[in-house]
Amino acid sequence: MILVVVAAAPAAVPRAFGLQVYEVISGSMAPEIPTGSLVYVRKAKAEQIQAEDVIAYDGGGGALITHRVVENRTLMGEFVTKGDANEKEDPNPVSYDQLRGQVVYSIPYLGWIAGLLSETTGKLAAAGMIAAAVLLHVAAGIMFRKTES
């Protein structure tokens, strides 16, 4: 049970501080932010974003993209972005309207666990682990009492 709480805390607790948490599902920001990482995103004013900042933005079709800003074109209201692992800048600029926020922190690989716990099979597996832990605890208590008698 403690394992489930510890695994869920990095995804749940930051929301209380105004951060959004997302799982990284591609390697475009590797090695700094590898696939399976959790990224913590804080709302930010587009005009204050600078080159080298990492942002999260709507990529269309429900996709959220996390890339580094190469240039903030404030007069045009857009960013030029690039994934760290990509050779070239992204072909289309990112409009200020697409900005979700600035990435302030990431935890490598924890996104895989959080993603698993958000699916039905992951929830069932976690419930099974908790039930097994409770049964083992009860069984150990019974066995300990028998050995004392």
N, C-alpha and C. Protein backbone atom coordinates (compact mmCIF):
# COMPACT_ATOMS: atom_id res chain seq x y z
N MET A 1 0.82 -1.19 0.00
CA MET A 1 0.00 0.00 0.00
C MET A 1 0.87 1.25 0.00
N ILE A 2 1.92 1.21 0.77
CA ILE A 2 2.84 2.35 0.81
C ILE A 2 3.43 2.59 -0.57
N LEU A 3 3.74 1.52 -1.29
CA LEU A 3 4.29 1.64 -2.64
C LEU A 3 3.32 2.37 -3.56
N VAL A 4 2.05 2.07 -3.46
CA VAL A 4 1.04 2.72 -4.31
C VAL A 4 0.95 4.20 -3.97
N VAL A 5 0.94 4.53 -2.68
CA VAL A 5 0.88 5.93 -2.26
C VAL A 5 2.12 6.68 -2.73
N VAL A 6 3.29 6.08 -2.53
CA VAL A 6 4.54 6.71 -2.96
C VAL A 6 4.57 6.90 -4.47
N ALA A 7 4.06 5.93 -5.22
CA ALA A 7 4.05 6.03 -6.68
C ALA A 7 3.06 7.08 -7.15
N ALA A 8 1.95 7.24 -6.45
CA ALA A 8 0.92 8.20 -6.88
C ALA A 8 1.23 9.62 -6.44
N ALA A 9 1.97 9.80 -5.36
CA ALA A 9 2.22 11.13 -4.81
C ALA A 9 2.87 12.09 -5.80
N PRO A 10 3.91 11.68 -6.56
CA PRO A 10 4.52 12.64 -7.49
C PRO A 10 3.58 13.14 -8.57
N ALA A 11 2.52 12.41 -8.85
CA ALA A 11 1.55 12.85 -9.85
C ALA A 11 0.43 13.66 -9.22
N ALA A 12 0.08 13.37 -7.97
CA ALA A 12 -1.08 14.01 -7.35
C ALA A 12 -0.74 15.26 -6.55
N VAL A 13 0.30 15.24 -5.76
CA VAL A 13 0.63 16.35 -4.86
C VAL A 13 0.90 17.66 -5.59
N PRO A 14 1.65 17.68 -6.69
CA PRO A 14 1.93 18.96 -7.35
C PRO A 14 0.69 19.73 -7.80
N ARG A 15 -0.39 19.04 -8.07
CA ARG A 15 -1.62 19.72 -8.50
C ARG A 15 -2.12 20.68 -7.42
N ALA A 16 -1.84 20.36 -6.16
CA ALA A 16 -2.24 21.25 -5.07
C ALA A 16 -1.46 22.56 -5.11
N PHE A 17 -0.34 22.58 -5.81
CA PHE A 17 0.49 23.78 -5.92
C PHE A 17 0.37 24.44 -7.29
N GLY A 18 -0.68 24.10 -8.02
CA GLY A 18 -0.94 24.76 -9.30
C GLY A 18 -0.16 24.22 -10.48
N LEU A 19 0.47 23.07 -10.32
CA LEU A 19 1.22 22.47 -11.42
C LEU A 19 0.37 21.41 -12.11
N GLN A 20 0.51 21.32 -13.41
CA GLN A 20 -0.10 20.23 -14.16
C GLN A 20 0.98 19.18 -14.40
N VAL A 21 0.60 17.93 -14.41
CA VAL A 21 1.55 16.83 -14.56
C VAL A 21 1.18 16.05 -15.81
N TYR A 22 2.19 15.79 -16.65
CA TYR A 22 1.97 15.06 -17.90
C TYR A 22 3.04 13.98 -18.06
N GLU A 23 2.67 12.91 -18.73
CA GLU A 23 3.61 11.83 -19.05
C GLU A 23 4.20 12.09 -20.44
N VAL A 24 5.50 11.93 -20.56
CA VAL A 24 6.19 12.10 -21.85
C VAL A 24 6.14 10.76 -22.58
N ILE A 25 5.61 10.77 -23.82
CA ILE A 25 5.44 9.51 -24.55
C ILE A 25 6.32 9.38 -25.78
N SER A 26 7.21 10.36 -26.00
CA SER A 26 8.13 10.24 -27.13
C SER A 26 9.53 10.64 -26.68
N GLY A 27 10.50 10.34 -27.49
CA GLY A 27 11.89 10.61 -27.14
C GLY A 27 12.44 11.91 -27.70
N SER A 28 11.58 12.82 -28.12
CA SER A 28 12.07 14.04 -28.77
C SER A 28 12.86 14.96 -27.84
N MET A 29 12.72 14.80 -26.53
CA MET A 29 13.46 15.65 -25.59
C MET A 29 14.57 14.89 -24.87
N ALA A 30 14.85 13.67 -25.30
CA ALA A 30 15.93 12.89 -24.69
C ALA A 30 17.27 13.54 -25.04
N PRO A 31 18.26 13.40 -24.23
CA PRO A 31 18.31 12.63 -22.99
C PRO A 31 17.83 13.39 -21.75
N GLU A 32 17.62 14.70 -21.85
CA GLU A 32 17.23 15.47 -20.66
C GLU A 32 15.89 15.03 -20.10
N ILE A 33 14.92 14.80 -20.98
CA ILE A 33 13.59 14.34 -20.55
C ILE A 33 13.27 13.08 -21.35
N PRO A 34 13.64 11.90 -20.84
CA PRO A 34 13.43 10.66 -21.60
C PRO A 34 11.96 10.24 -21.64
N THR A 35 11.66 9.37 -22.59
CA THR A 35 10.33 8.78 -22.70
C THR A 35 9.95 8.15 -21.36
N GLY A 36 8.70 8.35 -20.96
CA GLY A 36 8.23 7.79 -19.69
C GLY A 36 8.41 8.71 -18.50
N SER A 37 8.95 9.90 -18.72
CA SER A 37 9.12 10.86 -17.62
C SER A 37 7.80 11.52 -17.28
N LEU A 38 7.73 12.06 -16.07
CA LEU A 38 6.65 12.97 -15.72
C LEU A 38 7.21 14.38 -15.81
N VAL A 39 6.47 15.29 -16.46
CA VAL A 39 6.88 16.69 -16.48
C VAL A 39 5.87 17.50 -15.69
N TYR A 40 6.37 18.49 -14.97
CA TYR A 40 5.56 19.37 -14.15
C TYR A 40 5.52 20.72 -14.84
N VAL A 41 4.31 21.18 -15.15
CA VAL A 41 4.13 22.38 -15.96
C VAL A 41 3.38 23.44 -15.16
N ARG A 42 3.96 24.64 -15.15
CA ARG A 42 3.34 25.78 -14.47
C ARG A 42 2.86 26.77 -15.53
N LYS A 43 1.67 27.32 -15.33
CA LYS A 43 1.18 28.35 -16.25
C LYS A 43 2.19 29.48 -16.30
N ALA A 44 2.36 30.05 -17.49
CA ALA A 44 3.33 31.13 -17.67
C ALA A 44 2.80 32.10 -18.70
N LYS A 45 3.22 33.34 -18.59
CA LYS A 45 2.88 34.33 -19.59
C LYS A 45 3.79 34.13 -20.79
N ALA A 46 3.20 34.03 -21.95
CA ALA A 46 3.96 33.73 -23.17
C ALA A 46 5.08 34.73 -23.41
N GLU A 47 4.83 35.99 -23.11
CA GLU A 47 5.83 37.03 -23.36
C GLU A 47 7.07 36.86 -22.48
N GLN A 48 6.93 36.16 -21.37
CA GLN A 48 8.05 35.99 -20.44
C GLN A 48 8.88 34.74 -20.72
N ILE A 49 8.41 33.90 -21.62
CA ILE A 49 9.16 32.69 -21.98
C ILE A 49 10.39 33.12 -22.78
N GLN A 50 11.52 32.51 -22.47
CA GLN A 50 12.78 32.87 -23.15
C GLN A 50 13.33 31.68 -23.92
N ALA A 51 14.26 31.98 -24.82
CA ALA A 51 14.97 30.92 -25.53
C ALA A 51 15.62 30.01 -24.49
N GLU A 52 15.62 28.71 -24.76
CA GLU A 52 16.15 27.65 -23.90
C GLU A 52 15.14 27.15 -22.86
N ASP A 53 14.05 27.88 -22.62
CA ASP A 53 13.01 27.37 -21.73
C ASP A 53 12.32 26.19 -22.40
N VAL A 54 11.85 25.24 -21.61
CA VAL A 54 11.09 24.11 -22.13
C VAL A 54 9.62 24.39 -21.85
N ILE A 55 8.79 24.27 -22.89
CA ILE A 55 7.37 24.56 -22.75
C ILE A 55 6.53 23.34 -23.12
N ALA A 56 5.30 23.35 -22.65
CA ALA A 56 4.31 22.34 -23.05
C ALA A 56 3.22 23.09 -23.81
N TYR A 57 2.83 22.54 -24.95
CA TYR A 57 1.83 23.22 -25.77
C TYR A 57 0.95 22.22 -26.49
N ASP A 58 -0.25 22.70 -26.87
CA ASP A 58 -1.19 21.87 -27.61
C ASP A 58 -0.67 21.69 -29.03
N GLY A 59 -0.51 20.43 -29.41
CA GLY A 59 0.00 20.13 -30.74
C GLY A 59 -1.08 19.80 -31.75
N GLY A 60 -2.33 19.87 -31.34
CA GLY A 60 -3.43 19.52 -32.24
C GLY A 60 -3.81 18.06 -32.07
N GLY A 61 -5.06 17.76 -32.30
CA GLY A 61 -5.53 16.38 -32.19
C GLY A 61 -5.44 15.82 -30.79
N GLY A 62 -5.44 16.69 -29.78
CA GLY A 62 -5.38 16.24 -28.39
C GLY A 62 -3.98 15.96 -27.88
N ALA A 63 -2.97 16.13 -28.74
CA ALA A 63 -1.59 15.86 -28.33
C ALA A 63 -1.02 17.05 -27.57
N LEU A 64 -0.24 16.76 -26.55
CA LEU A 64 0.49 17.78 -25.82
C LEU A 64 1.96 17.56 -26.14
N ILE A 65 2.65 18.61 -26.55
CA ILE A 65 4.05 18.49 -26.94
C ILE A 65 4.91 19.27 -25.96
N THR A 66 6.05 18.69 -25.61
CA THR A 66 7.02 19.34 -24.73
C THR A 66 8.30 19.53 -25.53
N HIS A 67 8.63 20.78 -25.86
CA HIS A 67 9.84 21.08 -26.62
C HIS A 67 10.51 22.33 -26.07
N ARG A 68 11.75 22.52 -26.47
CA ARG A 68 12.54 23.67 -26.04
C ARG A 68 12.29 24.86 -26.98
N VAL A 69 12.23 26.05 -26.40
CA VAL A 69 12.05 27.27 -27.19
C VAL A 69 13.39 27.68 -27.79
N VAL A 70 13.41 27.87 -29.09
CA VAL A 70 14.59 28.37 -29.79
C VAL A 70 14.52 29.90 -29.87
N GLU A 71 13.30 30.40 -30.09
CA GLU A 71 13.10 31.84 -30.23
C GLU A 71 11.67 32.18 -29.83
N ASN A 72 11.51 33.29 -29.10
CA ASN A 72 10.19 33.81 -28.77
C ASN A 72 9.96 35.04 -29.64
N ARG A 73 9.08 34.91 -30.61
CA ARG A 73 8.76 36.00 -31.52
C ARG A 73 7.57 36.78 -30.94
N THR A 74 7.86 37.67 -30.01
CA THR A 74 6.80 38.37 -29.29
C THR A 74 5.93 39.22 -30.21
N LEU A 75 6.51 39.84 -31.22
CA LEU A 75 5.71 40.67 -32.13
C LEU A 75 4.72 39.85 -32.93
N MET A 76 5.07 38.59 -33.21
CA MET A 76 4.19 37.71 -33.99
C MET A 76 3.33 36.82 -33.09
N GLY A 77 3.63 36.83 -31.80
CA GLY A 77 2.86 36.01 -30.86
C GLY A 77 3.06 34.52 -31.06
N GLU A 78 4.34 34.13 -31.27
CA GLU A 78 4.62 32.71 -31.52
C GLU A 78 6.02 32.33 -31.06
N PHE A 79 6.22 31.03 -30.89
CA PHE A 79 7.51 30.46 -30.52
C PHE A 79 8.05 29.62 -31.67
N VAL A 80 9.37 29.60 -31.80
CA VAL A 80 10.04 28.60 -32.63
C VAL A 80 10.55 27.57 -31.63
N THR A 81 10.24 26.30 -31.86
CA THR A 81 10.60 25.24 -30.91
C THR A 81 11.37 24.13 -31.59
N LYS A 82 11.98 23.29 -30.74
CA LYS A 82 12.75 22.15 -31.24
C LYS A 82 12.87 21.13 -30.12
N GLY A 83 12.69 19.87 -30.46
CA GLY A 83 12.98 18.81 -29.50
C GLY A 83 14.48 18.63 -29.40
N ASP A 84 15.00 18.41 -28.21
CA ASP A 84 16.45 18.26 -28.02
C ASP A 84 17.04 17.16 -28.88
N ALA A 85 16.29 16.08 -29.09
CA ALA A 85 16.80 14.94 -29.85
C ALA A 85 16.60 15.12 -31.36
N ASN A 86 15.90 16.17 -31.76
CA ASN A 86 15.64 16.40 -33.18
C ASN A 86 16.76 17.23 -33.80
N GLU A 87 17.05 16.96 -35.07
CA GLU A 87 18.11 17.71 -35.75
C GLU A 87 17.68 19.11 -36.13
N LYS A 88 16.40 19.27 -36.48
CA LYS A 88 15.93 20.55 -36.98
C LYS A 88 14.84 21.13 -36.08
N GLU A 89 14.64 22.43 -36.24
CA GLU A 89 13.54 23.09 -35.53
C GLU A 89 12.22 22.52 -36.02
N ASP A 90 11.20 22.64 -35.20
CA ASP A 90 9.87 22.19 -35.60
C ASP A 90 9.41 23.00 -36.81
N PRO A 91 8.74 22.35 -37.76
CA PRO A 91 8.39 23.03 -39.01
C PRO A 91 7.38 24.17 -38.85
N ASN A 92 6.51 24.08 -37.86
CA ASN A 92 5.48 25.11 -37.67
C ASN A 92 5.71 25.84 -36.35
N PRO A 93 5.63 27.17 -36.37
CA PRO A 93 5.74 27.91 -35.11
C PRO A 93 4.56 27.59 -34.20
N VAL A 94 4.76 27.79 -32.91
CA VAL A 94 3.73 27.54 -31.90
C VAL A 94 3.13 28.89 -31.51
N SER A 95 1.82 29.04 -31.70
CA SER A 95 1.18 30.31 -31.34
C SER A 95 1.04 30.40 -29.83
N TYR A 96 0.99 31.62 -29.34
CA TYR A 96 0.81 31.84 -27.91
C TYR A 96 -0.45 31.15 -27.38
N ASP A 97 -1.48 31.06 -28.22
CA ASP A 97 -2.74 30.41 -27.80
C ASP A 97 -2.56 28.93 -27.49
N GLN A 98 -1.53 28.31 -28.05
CA GLN A 98 -1.30 26.88 -27.84
C GLN A 98 -0.56 26.58 -26.53
N LEU A 99 0.03 27.60 -25.92
CA LEU A 99 0.87 27.41 -24.74
C LEU A 99 0.05 26.92 -23.55
N ARG A 100 0.50 25.80 -22.94
CA ARG A 100 -0.09 25.31 -21.69
C ARG A 100 0.71 25.82 -20.50
N GLY A 101 2.04 25.96 -20.69
CA GLY A 101 2.89 26.45 -19.61
C GLY A 101 4.34 26.08 -19.80
N GLN A 102 5.13 26.42 -18.79
CA GLN A 102 6.57 26.15 -18.81
C GLN A 102 6.87 24.92 -17.95
N VAL A 103 7.70 24.05 -18.47
CA VAL A 103 8.12 22.87 -17.71
C VAL A 103 9.10 23.33 -16.64
N VAL A 104 8.78 23.04 -15.39
CA VAL A 104 9.64 23.48 -14.28
C VAL A 104 10.42 22.33 -13.66
N TYR A 105 10.01 21.09 -13.95
CA TYR A 105 10.68 19.94 -13.35
C TYR A 105 10.26 18.69 -14.09
N SER A 106 11.11 17.69 -14.05
CA SER A 106 10.73 16.39 -14.62
C SER A 106 11.34 15.27 -13.78
N ILE A 107 10.65 14.14 -13.75
CA ILE A 107 11.17 12.95 -13.06
C ILE A 107 11.22 11.83 -14.09
N PRO A 108 12.43 11.38 -14.43
CA PRO A 108 12.57 10.34 -15.46
C PRO A 108 11.83 9.06 -15.08
N TYR A 109 11.16 8.49 -16.07
CA TYR A 109 10.54 7.15 -16.03
C TYR A 109 9.34 7.00 -15.09
N LEU A 110 9.07 7.95 -14.23
CA LEU A 110 7.95 7.80 -13.30
C LEU A 110 6.60 7.88 -14.02
N GLY A 111 6.60 8.45 -15.21
CA GLY A 111 5.37 8.53 -15.99
C GLY A 111 4.82 7.17 -16.36
N TRP A 112 5.70 6.20 -16.56
CA TRP A 112 5.23 4.85 -16.89
C TRP A 112 4.41 4.28 -15.74
N ILE A 113 4.86 4.48 -14.52
CA ILE A 113 4.13 3.97 -13.36
C ILE A 113 2.81 4.72 -13.20
N ALA A 114 2.86 6.04 -13.31
CA ALA A 114 1.64 6.84 -13.19
C ALA A 114 0.65 6.47 -14.29
N GLY A 115 1.16 6.26 -15.50
CA GLY A 115 0.29 5.86 -16.61
C GLY A 115 -0.35 4.51 -16.36
N LEU A 116 0.41 3.58 -15.83
CA LEU A 116 -0.11 2.26 -15.52
C LEU A 116 -1.21 2.34 -14.46
N LEU A 117 -0.99 3.16 -13.44
CA LEU A 117 -1.97 3.28 -12.36
C LEU A 117 -3.24 4.00 -12.81
N SER A 118 -3.18 4.70 -13.94
CA SER A 118 -4.39 5.38 -14.42
C SER A 118 -5.24 4.48 -15.31
N GLU A 119 -4.71 3.31 -15.68
CA GLU A 119 -5.47 2.35 -16.49
C GLU A 119 -6.16 1.33 -15.59
N THR A 120 -7.21 0.70 -16.10
CA THR A 120 -7.97 -0.28 -15.33
C THR A 120 -7.09 -1.42 -14.85
N THR A 121 -6.25 -1.97 -15.73
CA THR A 121 -5.40 -3.09 -15.32
C THR A 121 -4.42 -2.66 -14.23
N GLY A 122 -3.91 -1.45 -14.33
CA GLY A 122 -3.00 -0.94 -13.30
C GLY A 122 -3.69 -0.78 -11.97
N LYS A 123 -4.92 -0.27 -12.01
CA LYS A 123 -5.69 -0.12 -10.77
C LYS A 123 -6.00 -1.47 -10.14
N LEU A 124 -6.34 -2.45 -10.99
CA LEU A 124 -6.60 -3.79 -10.48
C LEU A 124 -5.34 -4.41 -9.88
N ALA A 125 -4.21 -4.21 -10.54
CA ALA A 125 -2.95 -4.74 -10.02
C ALA A 125 -2.61 -4.08 -8.68
N ALA A 126 -2.80 -2.76 -8.58
CA ALA A 126 -2.54 -2.06 -7.32
C ALA A 126 -3.47 -2.56 -6.22
N ALA A 127 -4.75 -2.75 -6.55
CA ALA A 127 -5.70 -3.27 -5.56
C ALA A 127 -5.30 -4.67 -5.12
N GLY A 128 -4.85 -5.49 -6.07
CA GLY A 128 -4.39 -6.84 -5.75
C GLY A 128 -3.18 -6.82 -4.83
N MET A 129 -2.24 -5.90 -5.08
CA MET A 129 -1.06 -5.79 -4.22
C MET A 129 -1.45 -5.36 -2.81
N ILE A 130 -2.39 -4.42 -2.72
CA ILE A 130 -2.84 -3.96 -1.40
C ILE A 130 -3.53 -5.11 -0.67
N ALA A 131 -4.40 -5.84 -1.36
CA ALA A 131 -5.10 -6.97 -0.74
C ALA A 131 -4.11 -8.04 -0.28
N ALA A 132 -3.11 -8.33 -1.10
CA ALA A 132 -2.09 -9.32 -0.74
C ALA A 132 -1.31 -8.86 0.49
N ALA A 133 -0.97 -7.57 0.54
CA ALA A 133 -0.23 -7.04 1.69
C ALA A 133 -1.06 -7.15 2.97
N VAL A 134 -2.35 -6.85 2.88
CA VAL A 134 -3.23 -6.95 4.05
C VAL A 134 -3.33 -8.40 4.50
N LEU A 135 -3.52 -9.33 3.56
CA LEU A 135 -3.61 -10.75 3.90
C LEU A 135 -2.32 -11.25 4.55
N LEU A 136 -1.18 -10.85 4.01
CA LEU A 136 0.11 -11.26 4.60
C LEU A 136 0.26 -10.70 6.01
N HIS A 137 -0.16 -9.46 6.21
CA HIS A 137 -0.08 -8.84 7.53
C HIS A 137 -0.96 -9.59 8.53
N VAL A 138 -2.18 -9.91 8.13
CA VAL A 138 -3.11 -10.65 9.00
C VAL A 138 -2.55 -12.04 9.29
N ALA A 139 -2.06 -12.73 8.26
CA ALA A 139 -1.51 -14.08 8.44
C ALA A 139 -0.31 -14.06 9.37
N ALA A 140 0.55 -13.06 9.21
CA ALA A 140 1.73 -12.96 10.08
C ALA A 140 1.30 -12.73 11.53
N GLY A 141 0.27 -11.93 11.74
CA GLY A 141 -0.24 -11.68 13.10
C GLY A 141 -0.79 -12.95 13.73
N ILE A 142 -1.52 -13.74 12.95
CA ILE A 142 -2.08 -15.00 13.45
C ILE A 142 -0.96 -15.97 13.80
N MET A 143 0.02 -16.09 12.92
CA MET A 143 1.14 -17.01 13.16
C MET A 143 1.95 -16.57 14.37
N PHE A 144 2.14 -15.27 14.55
CA PHE A 144 2.91 -14.76 15.68
C PHE A 144 2.19 -15.07 16.99
N ARG A 145 0.86 -14.93 17.01
CA ARG A 145 0.09 -15.22 18.22
C ARG A 145 0.15 -16.71 18.56
N LYS A 146 0.15 -17.59 17.55
CA LYS A 146 0.21 -19.03 17.80
C LYS A 146 1.56 -19.42 18.39
N THR A 147 2.64 -18.78 17.94
CA THR A 147 3.96 -19.12 18.45
C THR A 147 4.15 -18.62 19.87
N GLU A 148 3.42 -17.59 20.29
CA GLU A 148 3.52 -17.08 21.65
C GLU A 148 2.81 -18.00 22.64
N SER A 149 1.79 -18.74 22.19
CA SER A 149 1.00 -19.57 23.10
C SER A 149 1.72 -20.80 23.50
